[in-house]
């Protein structure tokens, strides 16, 4: 499943061209989103001194940022489906920057929570999710490599922002540092500006044309709507059917399995990195050497993410990317378990190398597996709901680990617990994928479509069954923009089109040639007859879900 169909069709993925600029923007946004909440921690001691509070009080700034990054996923999905990726990213960049600028003038800790925590966190969330959506639209064949390169922004920016923050703190204080950091976040607006809405058709591989970009950013006049003709009416009808937040993804068993696995994974994935420095100090490692352990993880992570993305893009590996993701989680969990009793500095460095390698693989594959599971058409809603579930896990996992450390005064149990949770997630995902999601083999089943074909077929079903030639030749608008209102005449035309589009029992030759085995005469006759003969029906036995349902009338 990919971000688009074959070349030359609406929504086709260029796999290059302007997509490399989109990839660079996604790299920068991913770096800011994941590294910025951690880099802010260099200012905590200065904040504790000026505000007279403890470490746990100042640590809430980073926690609120991460909670906003994960918890506002559904809101970001709704805004993207309503206004498009580029306007949302531009607004998010302004919010993130204004939050840090306002934080530099605060006089109370609560004001810091609202500005640096809520505003900046919300702004980064409105940048992070749309950038991933645009990356999936611009890359299909090279999408695993693109995801790996974009994910490498997190360790790269973490290695750069932390030393930069320390320099700013020494020269300008925490207020000047926050002000300059807010200026850096304005680069998110630049990244949002390069996110051209992708349109298909010959000659559209570089992105949208200028009039289409203006059509995304500015509201359409009523007169221009009427002059659009049948092509514009068909496109608006298809957009009106698009939901702001598609909860139907929960009917996909693959998405449900992925969501459960990610929830279990996040419970223990971030715990070792949070506890590592204090664990090393408790083992007698000097402070400077203990802090260097995180740098080791970051350097290995930088290499692991692009390498894993390139590996996942190989022809023999990509169909089994879910199992590769499970293998990465399995390696990460075993690393935690095997290193729980590490006390020497050499053993801790070895743990950091192994952990950075497996952690980088997980980071490079997590969104690739989600794209392959739900497809590009439902990815905006899917990622928002997944991030919301992860937000709950983030608020449960690390705080619970900290309380256990305070109660038991033992870091080994924390590593055992975190490793067990990651290991359980890997086993659950691989087992459920093999047992519940594996497609049955048989002569009556059509072969799997190539990457991106499923998304193209879904887009074809959403449109009218027989569009006029003018509509086919007319340029397509961006799918990231939703028209505000539709006239009553178009609604009546849509209803007539739906009545004409209902399938007959036999099915057309064109429909049968697409490989939909469940639309043949034999299967539909069995579908009508078997509920009267025996239960469970044939559908529950073979696991198929036909597009149309029929009932017998008396």
Foldseek 3Di string as FASTA:
>chain_A
DFQADDAFDWLAALQDALLVLLLVLLLQLLQCLQQVLVLLLVQQVVVCVLAVDDSVLSNVQSLLLLLLLLACLLVLLLCLLAQNLLVLLLVLLLQLLQLLLVCLVDDHSVSNCVRSRNRNSNSSNSLNLSSVLLSRSNRWLLSLLSLLSSLLSRLVSNVVSNVVLVVCCVPPNPSSSSNVVSVVSNVSNVSSVSSAFQTHHPPRSNGDDPVLSVPSVDADDPVVQVVVPPLSLLQQLLSVPDDSADPCVVVQPLLVLLLVLLLLLLLQLCQCVVCQLVLQVVLPDDNVLSVCLVVLLSVLLSVQRSVLSVVCSDPVNVVVLLLVLLVLLQQLLVLLLVLLPPRDSVSSSVSSNSNSNSVSNNSSRSVVSVCVRPNSVNSSNSSSVSSSSSSVSNVNRNVVLVVCCVVVVGRSVSSNVSSVSSNVSSVSSVVCCVPPVDADDDPLADDDDPTNPVVVVVSCVSGFVDRDPVSVPDTRHRSSHHRDDDDPVSVVVVVVSVVVPDADLAGDPVVVVVRPSCSHNVNSVQLAPQVVPDPPGPCVVNVDDDPDDDYDDD
